[in-house]
């Protein structure tokens, strides 16, 4: 059994026991989170597709980690102008462990 969920403006395919990194969600490590934006649920031969979400379906997950990703370097330069700009960015993320999918 797996589901397609939407969180943080992105879509993910998840199954029970999976671990995935999503955009930052509120909560502490160990807290339980319910994701109700379930777009599709597949259980063997049974497929439920939502319009846009499946009614009554939800995915429960536990927050495994709150952190920041590796630094991405942004470097801008204009030749012969003396313009150089170097910046870095570390995106916040939440690591989730999928516990249960209910349709």
PDB file of N, CA and C in Angstrom:
ATOM      1  N   UNK A   1       0.850  -1.182   0.000  1.00  0.00           N
ATOM      2  CA  UNK A   1       0.000   0.000   0.000  1.00  0.00           C
ATOM      3  C   UNK A   1       0.888   1.235   0.000  1.00  0.00           C
ATOM      4  N   UNK A   2       0.565   2.171  -0.883  1.00  0.00           N
ATOM      5  CA  UNK A   2       1.283   3.433  -0.891  1.00  0.00           C
ATOM      6  C   UNK A   2       0.322   4.566  -1.215  1.00  0.00           C
ATOM      7  N   UNK A   3       0.798   5.797  -0.981  1.00  0.00           N
ATOM      8  CA  UNK A   3      -0.032   6.979  -1.211  1.00  0.00           C
ATOM      9  C   UNK A   3       0.821   8.079  -1.823  1.00  0.00           C
ATOM     10  N   UNK A   4       0.154   8.974  -2.523  1.00  0.00           N
ATOM     11  CA  UNK A   4       0.790  10.188  -3.033  1.00  0.00           C
ATOM     12  C   UNK A   4       0.267  11.325  -2.170  1.00  0.00           C
ATOM     13  N   UNK A   5       1.194  12.030  -1.493  1.00  0.00           N
ATOM     14  CA  UNK A   5       0.796  13.127  -0.611  1.00  0.00           C
ATOM     15  C   UNK A   5       1.373  14.431  -1.134  1.00  0.00           C
ATOM     16  N   UNK A   6       0.784  15.544  -0.664  1.00  0.00           N
ATOM     17  CA  UNK A   6       1.261  16.871  -1.036  1.00  0.00           C
ATOM     18  C   UNK A   6       1.570  17.633   0.242  1.00  0.00           C
ATOM     19  N   UNK A   7       2.800  18.129   0.347  1.00  0.00           N
ATOM     20  CA  UNK A   7       3.192  18.973   1.474  1.00  0.00           C
ATOM     21  C   UNK A   7       4.323  19.883   1.024  1.00  0.00           C
ATOM     22  N   UNK A   8       4.266  21.118   1.454  1.00  0.00           N
ATOM     23  CA  UNK A   8       5.312  22.072   1.095  1.00  0.00           C
ATOM     24  C   UNK A   8       5.349  22.394  -0.386  1.00  0.00           C
ATOM     25  N   UNK A   9       4.208  22.240  -1.093  1.00  0.00           N
ATOM     26  CA  UNK A   9       4.171  22.553  -2.511  1.00  0.00           C
ATOM     27  C   UNK A   9       4.755  21.465  -3.396  1.00  0.00           C
ATOM     28  N   UNK A  10       5.093  20.310  -2.816  1.00  0.00           N
ATOM     29  CA  UNK A  10       5.668  19.203  -3.579  1.00  0.00           C
ATOM     30  C   UNK A  10       4.844  17.951  -3.330  1.00  0.00           C
ATOM     31  N   UNK A  11       4.989  16.974  -4.214  1.00  0.00           N
ATOM     32  CA  UNK A  11       4.277  15.705  -4.073  1.00  0.00           C
ATOM     33  C   UNK A  11       5.277  14.590  -3.835  1.00  0.00           C
ATOM     34  N   UNK A  12       4.906  13.652  -2.950  1.00  0.00           N
ATOM     35  CA  UNK A  12       5.774  12.540  -2.584  1.00  0.00           C
ATOM     36  C   UNK A  12       4.988  11.241  -2.611  1.00  0.00           C
ATOM     37  N   UNK A  13       5.659  10.159  -3.037  1.00  0.00           N
ATOM     38  CA  UNK A  13       5.073   8.821  -2.942  1.00  0.00           C
ATOM     39  C   UNK A  13       5.608   8.187  -1.676  1.00  0.00           C
ATOM     40  N   UNK A  14       4.712   7.770  -0.783  1.00  0.00           N
ATOM     41  CA  UNK A  14       5.125   7.229   0.513  1.00  0.00           C
ATOM     42  C   UNK A  14       4.446   5.896   0.779  1.00  0.00           C
ATOM     43  N   UNK A  15       5.134   5.068   1.562  1.00  0.00           N
ATOM     44  CA  UNK A  15       4.591   3.805   2.048  1.00  0.00           C
ATOM     45  C   UNK A  15       4.935   3.726   3.529  1.00  0.00           C
ATOM     46  N   UNK A  16       4.283   2.828   4.245  1.00  0.00           N
ATOM     47  CA  UNK A  16       4.550   2.684   5.683  1.00  0.00           C
ATOM     48  C   UNK A  16       6.003   2.282   5.886  1.00  0.00           C
ATOM     49  N   UNK A  17       6.668   2.967   6.822  1.00  0.00           N
ATOM     50  CA  UNK A  17       8.069   2.690   7.122  1.00  0.00           C
ATOM     51  C   UNK A  17       9.061   3.562   6.372  1.00  0.00           C
ATOM     52  N   UNK A  18       8.600   4.327   5.387  1.00  0.00           N
ATOM     53  CA  UNK A  18       9.500   5.200   4.619  1.00  0.00           C
ATOM     54  C   UNK A  18       9.951   6.389   5.460  1.00  0.00           C
ATOM     55  N   UNK A  19      11.132   6.901   5.135  1.00  0.00           N
ATOM     56  CA  UNK A  19      11.642   8.135   5.730  1.00  0.00           C
ATOM     57  C   UNK A  19      11.886   9.117   4.593  1.00  0.00           C
ATOM     58  N   UNK A  20      11.375  10.348   4.742  1.00  0.00           N
ATOM     59  CA  UNK A  20      11.578  11.341   3.703  1.00  0.00           C
ATOM     60  C   UNK A  20      11.769  12.713   4.313  1.00  0.00           C
ATOM     61  N   UNK A  21      12.448  13.575   3.558  1.00  0.00           N
ATOM     62  CA  UNK A  21      12.677  14.960   3.974  1.00  0.00           C
ATOM     63  C   UNK A  21      11.698  15.857   3.235  1.00  0.00           C
ATOM     64  N   UNK A  22      10.981  16.676   4.001  1.00  0.00           N
ATOM     65  CA  UNK A  22      10.016  17.609   3.429  1.00  0.00           C
ATOM     66  C   UNK A  22      10.364  19.015   3.900  1.00  0.00           C
ATOM     67  N   UNK A  23       9.670  20.002   3.347  1.00  0.00           N
ATOM     68  CA  UNK A  23       9.844  21.378   3.813  1.00  0.00           C
ATOM     69  C   UNK A  23       9.483  21.445   5.297  1.00  0.00           C
ATOM     70  N   UNK A  24      10.046  22.397   6.008  1.00  0.00           N
ATOM     71  CA  UNK A  24       9.910  22.476   7.458  1.00  0.00           C
ATOM     72  C   UNK A  24       8.456  22.479   7.911  1.00  0.00           C
ATOM     73  N   UNK A  25       8.150  21.607   8.890  1.00  0.00           N
ATOM     74  CA  UNK A  25       6.855  21.544   9.545  1.00  0.00           C
ATOM     75  C   UNK A  25       7.036  21.881  11.014  1.00  0.00           C
ATOM     76  N   UNK A  26       6.011  22.447  11.628  1.00  0.00           N
ATOM     77  CA  UNK A  26       6.069  22.783  13.042  1.00  0.00           C
ATOM     78  C   UNK A  26       5.998  21.505  13.878  1.00  0.00           C
ATOM     79  N   UNK A  27       6.767  21.480  14.974  1.00  0.00           N
ATOM     80  CA  UNK A  27       6.731  20.332  15.874  1.00  0.00           C
ATOM     81  C   UNK A  27       8.127  19.951  16.305  1.00  0.00           C
ATOM     82  N   UNK A  28       8.180  19.185  17.392  1.00  0.00           N
ATOM     83  CA  UNK A  28       9.461  18.724  17.933  1.00  0.00           C
ATOM     84  C   UNK A  28       9.714  17.284  17.489  1.00  0.00           C
ATOM     85  N   UNK A  29      10.955  16.856  17.644  1.00  0.00           N
ATOM     86  CA  UNK A  29      11.319  15.485  17.297  1.00  0.00           C
ATOM     87  C   UNK A  29      10.519  14.523  18.176  1.00  0.00           C
ATOM     88  N   UNK A  30       9.897  13.531  17.548  1.00  0.00           N
ATOM     89  CA  UNK A  30       9.082  12.564  18.270  1.00  0.00           C
ATOM     90  C   UNK A  30       7.593  12.856  18.196  1.00  0.00           C
ATOM     91  N   UNK A  31       7.216  14.072  17.781  1.00  0.00           N
ATOM     92  CA  UNK A  31       5.798  14.415  17.649  1.00  0.00           C
ATOM     93  C   UNK A  31       5.176  13.671  16.473  1.00  0.00           C
ATOM     94  N   UNK A  32       3.873  13.456  16.555  1.00  0.00           N
ATOM     95  CA  UNK A  32       3.135  12.804  15.482  1.00  0.00           C
ATOM     96  C   UNK A  32       2.469  13.873  14.619  1.00  0.00           C
ATOM     97  N   UNK A  33       2.475  13.663  13.300  1.00  0.00           N
ATOM     98  CA  UNK A  33       1.927  14.624  12.350  1.00  0.00           C
ATOM     99  C   UNK A  33       0.936  13.898  11.453  1.00  0.00           C
ATOM    100  N   UNK A  34      -0.212  14.527  11.192  1.00  0.00           N
ATOM    101  CA  UNK A  34      -1.188  13.982  10.259  1.00  0.00           C
ATOM    102  C   UNK A  34      -1.141  14.792   8.973  1.00  0.00           C
ATOM    103  N   UNK A  35      -0.941  14.119   7.860  1.00  0.00           N
ATOM    104  CA  UNK A  35      -0.932  14.756   6.555  1.00  0.00           C
ATOM    105  C   UNK A  35      -2.241  14.395   5.859  1.00  0.00           C
ATOM    106  N   UNK A  36      -3.094  15.384   5.651  1.00  0.00           N
ATOM    107  CA  UNK A  36      -4.423  15.114   5.099  1.00  0.00           C
ATOM    108  C   UNK A  36      -4.535  15.427   3.608  1.00  0.00           C
ATOM    109  N   UNK A  37      -3.491  16.008   3.014  1.00  0.00           N
ATOM    110  CA  UNK A  37      -3.501  16.260   1.570  1.00  0.00           C
ATOM    111  C   UNK A  37      -3.056  14.994   0.836  1.00  0.00           C
ATOM    112  N   UNK A  38      -3.921  13.990   0.807  1.00  0.00           N
ATOM    113  CA  UNK A  38      -3.622  12.720   0.145  1.00  0.00           C
ATOM    114  C   UNK A  38      -4.275  12.763  -1.235  1.00  0.00           C
ATOM    115  N   UNK A  39      -3.453  12.710  -2.283  1.00  0.00           N
ATOM    116  CA  UNK A  39      -3.947  12.847  -3.642  1.00  0.00           C
ATOM    117  C   UNK A  39      -4.366  11.511  -4.249  1.00  0.00           C
ATOM    118  N   UNK A  40      -3.707  10.412  -3.817  1.00  0.00           N
ATOM    119  CA  UNK A  40      -4.020   9.104  -4.364  1.00  0.00           C
ATOM    120  C   UNK A  40      -3.601   8.028  -3.369  1.00  0.00           C
ATOM    121  N   UNK A  41      -4.401   6.963  -3.275  1.00  0.00           N
ATOM    122  CA  UNK A  41      -4.084   5.825  -2.419  1.00  0.00           C
ATOM    123  C   UNK A  41      -4.182   4.566  -3.263  1.00  0.00           C
ATOM    124  N   UNK A  42      -3.123   3.736  -3.221  1.00  0.00           N
ATOM    125  CA  UNK A  42      -3.100   2.479  -3.961  1.00  0.00           C
ATOM    126  C   UNK A  42      -2.943   1.352  -2.959  1.00  0.00           C
ATOM    127  N   UNK A  43      -3.914   0.417  -2.960  1.00  0.00           N
ATOM    128  CA  UNK A  43      -3.876  -0.739  -2.065  1.00  0.00           C
ATOM    129  C   UNK A  43      -4.058  -1.988  -2.911  1.00  0.00           C
ATOM    130  N   UNK A  44      -2.946  -2.559  -3.364  1.00  0.00           N
ATOM    131  CA  UNK A  44      -3.023  -3.724  -4.244  1.00  0.00           C
ATOM    132  C   UNK A  44      -3.615  -3.336  -5.586  1.00  0.00           C
ATOM    133  N   UNK A  45      -4.781  -3.902  -5.902  1.00  0.00           N
ATOM    134  CA  UNK A  45      -5.463  -3.593  -7.157  1.00  0.00           C
ATOM    135  C   UNK A  45      -6.405  -2.402  -7.034  1.00  0.00           C
ATOM    136  N   UNK A  46      -6.700  -1.972  -5.804  1.00  0.00           N
ATOM    137  CA  UNK A  46      -7.625  -0.869  -5.573  1.00  0.00           C
ATOM    138  C   UNK A  46      -6.885   0.463  -5.639  1.00  0.00           C
ATOM    139  N   UNK A  47      -7.363   1.353  -6.492  1.00  0.00           N
ATOM    140  CA  UNK A  47      -6.748   2.674  -6.649  1.00  0.00           C
ATOM    141  C   UNK A  47      -7.824   3.723  -6.397  1.00  0.00           C
ATOM    142  N   UNK A  48      -7.545   4.638  -5.449  1.00  0.00           N
ATOM    143  CA  UNK A  48      -8.461   5.749  -5.187  1.00  0.00           C
ATOM    144  C   UNK A  48      -7.745   7.031  -5.573  1.00  0.00           C
ATOM    145  N   UNK A  49      -8.322   7.760  -6.517  1.00  0.00           N
ATOM    146  CA  UNK A  49      -7.744   9.023  -6.973  1.00  0.00           C
ATOM    147  C   UNK A  49      -8.656  10.141  -6.501  1.00  0.00           C
ATOM    148  N   UNK A  50      -8.088  11.153  -5.872  1.00  0.00           N
ATOM    149  CA  UNK A  50      -8.873  12.264  -5.354  1.00  0.00           C
ATOM    150  C   UNK A  50      -9.085  13.341  -6.390  1.00  0.00           C
ATOM    151  N   UNK A  51     -10.080  14.178  -6.128  1.00  0.00           N
ATOM    152  CA  UNK A  51     -10.351  15.310  -7.001  1.00  0.00           C
ATOM    153  C   UNK A  51     -10.555  16.562  -6.169  1.00  0.00           C
ATOM    154  N   UNK A  52      -9.587  17.244  -5.627  1.00  0.00           N
ATOM    155  CA  UNK A  52      -8.158  16.959  -5.763  1.00  0.00           C
ATOM    156  C   UNK A  52      -7.614  16.020  -4.679  1.00  0.00           C
ATOM    157  N   UNK A  53      -8.325  15.850  -3.550  1.00  0.00           N
ATOM    158  CA  UNK A  53      -7.821  14.963  -2.495  1.00  0.00           C
ATOM    159  C   UNK A  53      -8.815  13.835  -2.246  1.00  0.00           C
ATOM    160  N   UNK A  54      -8.313  12.724  -1.692  1.00  0.00           N
ATOM    161  CA  UNK A  54      -9.159  11.587  -1.370  1.00  0.00           C
ATOM    162  C   UNK A  54      -9.868  11.887  -0.054  1.00  0.00           C
ATOM    163  N   UNK A  55     -11.201  11.776  -0.047  1.00  0.00           N
ATOM    164  CA  UNK A  55     -11.988  12.072   1.150  1.00  0.00           C
ATOM    165  C   UNK A  55     -11.711  11.036   2.238  1.00  0.00           C
ATOM    166  N   UNK A  56     -11.426  11.505   3.452  1.00  0.00           N
ATOM    167  CA  UNK A  56     -11.234  10.627   4.596  1.00  0.00           C
ATOM    168  C   UNK A  56      -9.874   9.967   4.668  1.00  0.00           C
ATOM    169  N   UNK A  57      -9.013  10.191   3.701  1.00  0.00           N
ATOM    170  CA  UNK A  57      -7.689   9.567   3.707  1.00  0.00           C
ATOM    171  C   UNK A  57      -6.705  10.455   4.448  1.00  0.00           C
ATOM    172  N   UNK A  58      -5.814   9.825   5.201  1.00  0.00           N
ATOM    173  CA  UNK A  58      -4.764  10.585   5.878  1.00  0.00           C
ATOM    174  C   UNK A  58      -3.545   9.700   6.088  1.00  0.00           C
ATOM    175  N   UNK A  59      -2.419  10.350   6.224  1.00  0.00           N
ATOM    176  CA  UNK A  59      -1.149   9.667   6.461  1.00  0.00           C
ATOM    177  C   UNK A  59      -0.615  10.171   7.790  1.00  0.00           C
ATOM    178  N   UNK A  60      -0.304   9.246   8.701  1.00  0.00           N
ATOM    179  CA  UNK A  60       0.289   9.632   9.980  1.00  0.00           C
ATOM    180  C   UNK A  60       1.781   9.368   9.917  1.00  0.00           C
ATOM    181  N   UNK A  61       2.533  10.338  10.421  1.00  0.00           N
ATOM    182  CA  UNK A  61       3.991  10.249  10.395  1.00  0.00           C
ATOM    183  C   UNK A  61       4.535  10.772  11.716  1.00  0.00           C
ATOM    184  N   UNK A  62       5.761  10.397  12.012  1.00  0.00           N
ATOM    185  CA  UNK A  62       6.441  10.867  13.208  1.00  0.00           C
ATOM    186  C   UNK A  62       7.651  11.681  12.772  1.00  0.00           C
ATOM    187  N   UNK A  63       7.875  12.802  13.450  1.00  0.00           N
ATOM    188  CA  UNK A  63       9.013  13.662  13.118  1.00  0.00           C
ATOM    189  C   UNK A  63      10.283  12.993  13.629  1.00  0.00           C
ATOM    190  N   UNK A  64      11.179  12.657  12.707  1.00  0.00           N
ATOM    191  CA  UNK A  64      12.427  11.990  13.066  1.00  0.00           C
ATOM    192  C   UNK A  64      13.556  12.992  13.279  1.00  0.00           C
ATOM    193  N   UNK A  65      13.507  14.133  12.574  1.00  0.00           N
ATOM    194  CA  UNK A  65      14.610  15.091  12.653  1.00  0.00           C
ATOM    195  C   UNK A  65      14.139  16.451  12.172  1.00  0.00           C
ATOM    196  N   UNK A  66      14.639  17.499  12.805  1.00  0.00           N
ATOM    197  CA  UNK A  66      14.480  18.870  12.335  1.00  0.00           C
ATOM    198  C   UNK A  66      15.894  19.369  12.048  1.00  0.00           C
ATOM    199  N   UNK A  67      16.149  19.848  10.851  1.00  0.00           N
ATOM    200  CA  UNK A  67      17.521  20.253  10.558  1.00  0.00           C
ATOM    201  C   UNK A  67      17.610  21.212   9.398  1.00  0.00           C
ATOM    202  N   UNK A  68      18.845  21.396   8.962  1.00  0.00           N
ATOM    203  CA  UNK A  68      19.131  22.264   7.825  1.00  0.00           C
ATOM    204  C   UNK A  68      19.992  21.492   6.833  1.00  0.00           C
ATOM    205  N   UNK A  69      19.702  21.673   5.558  1.00  0.00           N
ATOM    206  CA  UNK A  69      20.410  20.958   4.500  1.00  0.00           C
ATOM    207  C   UNK A  69      21.815  21.528   4.314  1.00  0.00           C
ATOM    208  N   UNK A  70      22.589  20.899   3.446  1.00  0.00           N
ATOM    209  CA  UNK A  70      23.933  21.389   3.142  1.00  0.00           C
ATOM    210  C   UNK A  70      23.851  22.769   2.499  1.00  0.00           C
ATOM    211  N   UNK A  71      24.905  23.528   2.664  1.00  0.00           N
ATOM    212  CA  UNK A  71      24.925  24.893   2.148  1.00  0.00           C
ATOM    213  C   UNK A  71      25.042  24.909   0.629  1.00  0.00           C
ATOM    214  N   UNK A  72      24.221  25.756   0.023  1.00  0.00           N
ATOM    215  CA  UNK A  72      24.273  26.004  -1.414  1.00  0.00           C
ATOM    216  C   UNK A  72      24.920  27.365  -1.589  1.00  0.00           C
ATOM    217  N   UNK A  73      25.964  27.433  -2.397  1.00  0.00           N
ATOM    218  CA  UNK A  73      26.685  28.682  -2.626  1.00  0.00           C
ATOM    219  C   UNK A  73      26.095  29.398  -3.843  1.00  0.00           C
ATOM    220  N   UNK A  74      25.777  30.677  -3.666  1.00  0.00           N
ATOM    221  CA  UNK A  74      25.279  31.517  -4.749  1.00  0.00           C
ATOM    222  C   UNK A  74      26.385  32.518  -5.069  1.00  0.00           C
ATOM    223  N   UNK A  75      26.898  32.494  -6.293  1.00  0.00           N
ATOM    224  CA  UNK A  75      27.987  33.390  -6.689  1.00  0.00           C
ATOM    225  C   UNK A  75      27.575  34.138  -7.941  1.00  0.00           C
ATOM    226  N   UNK A  76      27.575  35.479  -7.854  1.00  0.00           N
ATOM    227  CA  UNK A  76      27.226  36.324  -8.991  1.00  0.00           C
ATOM    228  C   UNK A  76      28.447  37.156  -9.361  1.00  0.00           C
ATOM    229  N   UNK A  77      28.615  37.379 -10.655  1.00  0.00           N
ATOM    230  CA  UNK A  77      29.769  38.151 -11.118  1.00  0.00           C
ATOM    231  C   UNK A  77      29.428  38.816 -12.438  1.00  0.00           C
ATOM    232  N   UNK A  78      29.882  40.055 -12.588  1.00  0.00           N
ATOM    233  CA  UNK A  78      29.787  40.741 -13.870  1.00  0.00           C
ATOM    234  C   UNK A  78      31.205  41.061 -14.299  1.00  0.00           C
ATOM    235  N   UNK A  79      31.570  40.615 -15.463  1.00  0.00           N
ATOM    236  CA  UNK A  79      32.947  40.801 -15.905  1.00  0.00           C
ATOM    237  C   UNK A  79      33.280  42.268 -16.133  1.00  0.00           C
ATOM    238  N   UNK A  80      34.484  42.605 -15.774  1.00  0.00           N
ATOM    239  CA  UNK A  80      35.071  43.944 -15.955  1.00  0.00           C
ATOM    240  C   UNK A  80      34.345  45.037 -15.180  1.00  0.00           C
ATOM    241  N   UNK A  81      33.474  44.702 -14.236  1.00  0.00           N
ATOM    242  CA  UNK A  81      32.744  45.710 -13.487  1.00  0.00           C
ATOM    243  C   UNK A  81      33.160  45.756 -12.014  1.00  0.00           C
ATOM    244  N   UNK A  82      33.939  44.796 -11.576  1.00  0.00           N
ATOM    245  CA  UNK A  82      34.317  44.739 -10.170  1.00  0.00           C
ATOM    246  C   UNK A  82      33.147  44.283  -9.296  1.00  0.00           C
ATOM    247  N   UNK A  83      32.155  43.643  -9.881  1.00  0.00           N
ATOM    248  CA  UNK A  83      30.978  43.192  -9.143  1.00  0.00           C
ATOM    249  C   UNK A  83      31.090  41.693  -8.899  1.00  0.00           C
ATOM    250  N   UNK A  84      31.246  41.342  -7.637  1.00  0.00           N
ATOM    251  CA  UNK A  84      31.267  39.937  -7.232  1.00  0.00           C
ATOM    252  C   UNK A  84      30.452  39.815  -5.957  1.00  0.00           C
ATOM    253  N   UNK A  85      29.600  38.809  -5.902  1.00  0.00           N
ATOM    254  CA  UNK A  85      28.739  38.609  -4.753  1.00  0.00           C
ATOM    255  C   UNK A  85      28.699  37.119  -4.428  1.00  0.00           C
ATOM    256  N   UNK A  86      29.020  36.783  -3.192  1.00  0.00           N
ATOM    257  CA  UNK A  86      28.999  35.386  -2.768  1.00  0.00           C
ATOM    258  C   UNK A  86      28.112  35.257  -1.545  1.00  0.00           C
ATOM    259  N   UNK A  87      27.100  34.402  -1.655  1.00  0.00           N
ATOM    260  CA  UNK A  87      26.176  34.172  -0.552  1.00  0.00           C
ATOM    261  C   UNK A  87      25.938  32.681  -0.409  1.00  0.00           C
ATOM    262  N   UNK A  88      25.506  32.297   0.765  1.00  0.00           N
ATOM    263  CA  UNK A  88      25.173  30.898   1.009  1.00  0.00           C
ATOM    264  C   UNK A  88      23.760  30.781   1.543  1.00  0.00           C
ATOM    265  N   UNK A  89      23.171  29.589   1.376  1.00  0.00           N
ATOM    266  CA  UNK A  89      21.807  29.349   1.862  1.00  0.00           C
ATOM    267  C   UNK A  89      21.704  27.912   2.356  1.00  0.00           C
ATOM    268  N   UNK A  90      21.100  27.746   3.539  1.00  0.00           N
ATOM    269  CA  UNK A  90      20.826  26.413   4.073  1.00  0.00           C
ATOM    270  C   UNK A  90      19.327  26.303   4.314  1.00  0.00           C
ATOM    271  N   UNK A  91      18.683  25.401   3.579  1.00  0.00           N
ATOM    272  CA  UNK A  91      17.238  25.236   3.657  1.00  0.00           C
ATOM    273  C   UNK A  91      16.864  24.393   4.871  1.00  0.00           C
ATOM    274  N   UNK A  92      15.842  24.836   5.617  1.00  0.00           N
ATOM    275  CA  UNK A  92      15.328  24.072   6.748  1.00  0.00           C
ATOM    276  C   UNK A  92      14.506  22.893   6.239  1.00  0.00           C
ATOM    277  N   UNK A  93      14.583  21.757   6.920  1.00  0.00           N
ATOM    278  CA  UNK A  93      13.800  20.596   6.524  1.00  0.00           C
ATOM    279  C   UNK A  93      13.300  19.846   7.750  1.00  0.00           C
ATOM    280  N   UNK A  94      12.326  18.988   7.534  1.00  0.00           N
ATOM    281  CA  UNK A  94      11.807  18.077   8.548  1.00  0.00           C
ATOM    282  C   UNK A  94      11.874  16.673   7.971  1.00  0.00           C
ATOM    283  N   UNK A  95      12.503  15.753   8.687  1.00  0.00           N
ATOM    284  CA  UNK A  95      12.555  14.359   8.264  1.00  0.00           C
ATOM    285  C   UNK A  95      11.389  13.625   8.919  1.00  0.00           C
ATOM    286  N   UNK A  96      10.585  12.954   8.117  1.00  0.00           N
ATOM    287  CA  UNK A  96       9.405  12.243   8.603  1.00  0.00           C
ATOM    288  C   UNK A  96       9.577  10.743   8.403  1.00  0.00           C
ATOM    289  N   UNK A  97       9.091   9.970   9.374  1.00  0.00           N
ATOM    290  CA  UNK A  97       8.989   8.524   9.235  1.00  0.00           C
ATOM    291  C   UNK A  97       7.508   8.187   9.138  1.00  0.00           C
ATOM    292  N   UNK A  98       7.105   7.600   8.020  1.00  0.00           N
ATOM    293  CA  UNK A  98       5.701   7.290   7.771  1.00  0.00           C
ATOM    294  C   UNK A  98       5.307   6.076   8.611  1.00  0.00           C
ATOM    295  N   UNK A  99       4.232   6.237   9.383  1.00  0.00           N
ATOM    296  CA  UNK A  99       3.780   5.161  10.258  1.00  0.00           C
ATOM    297  C   UNK A  99       2.579   4.420   9.701  1.00  0.00           C
ATOM    298  N   UNK A 100       1.583   5.165   9.185  1.00  0.00           N
ATOM    299  CA  UNK A 100       0.325   4.531   8.813  1.00  0.00           C
ATOM    300  C   UNK A 100      -0.349   5.299   7.686  1.00  0.00           C
ATOM    301  N   UNK A 101      -1.022   4.565   6.797  1.00  0.00           N
ATOM    302  CA  UNK A 101      -1.822   5.169   5.738  1.00  0.00           C
ATOM    303  C   UNK A 101      -3.248   4.640   5.883  1.00  0.00           C
ATOM    304  N   UNK A 102      -4.197   5.560   6.052  1.00  0.00           N
ATOM    305  CA  UNK A 102      -5.602   5.158   6.149  1.00  0.00           C
ATOM    306  C   UNK A 102      -6.377   5.775   5.006  1.00  0.00           C
ATOM    307  N   UNK A 103      -7.228   4.957   4.379  1.00  0.00           N
ATOM    308  CA  UNK A 103      -7.968   5.449   3.205  1.00  0.00           C
ATOM    309  C   UNK A 103      -9.441   5.581   3.530  1.00  0.00           C
TER     310      UNK A 103
END
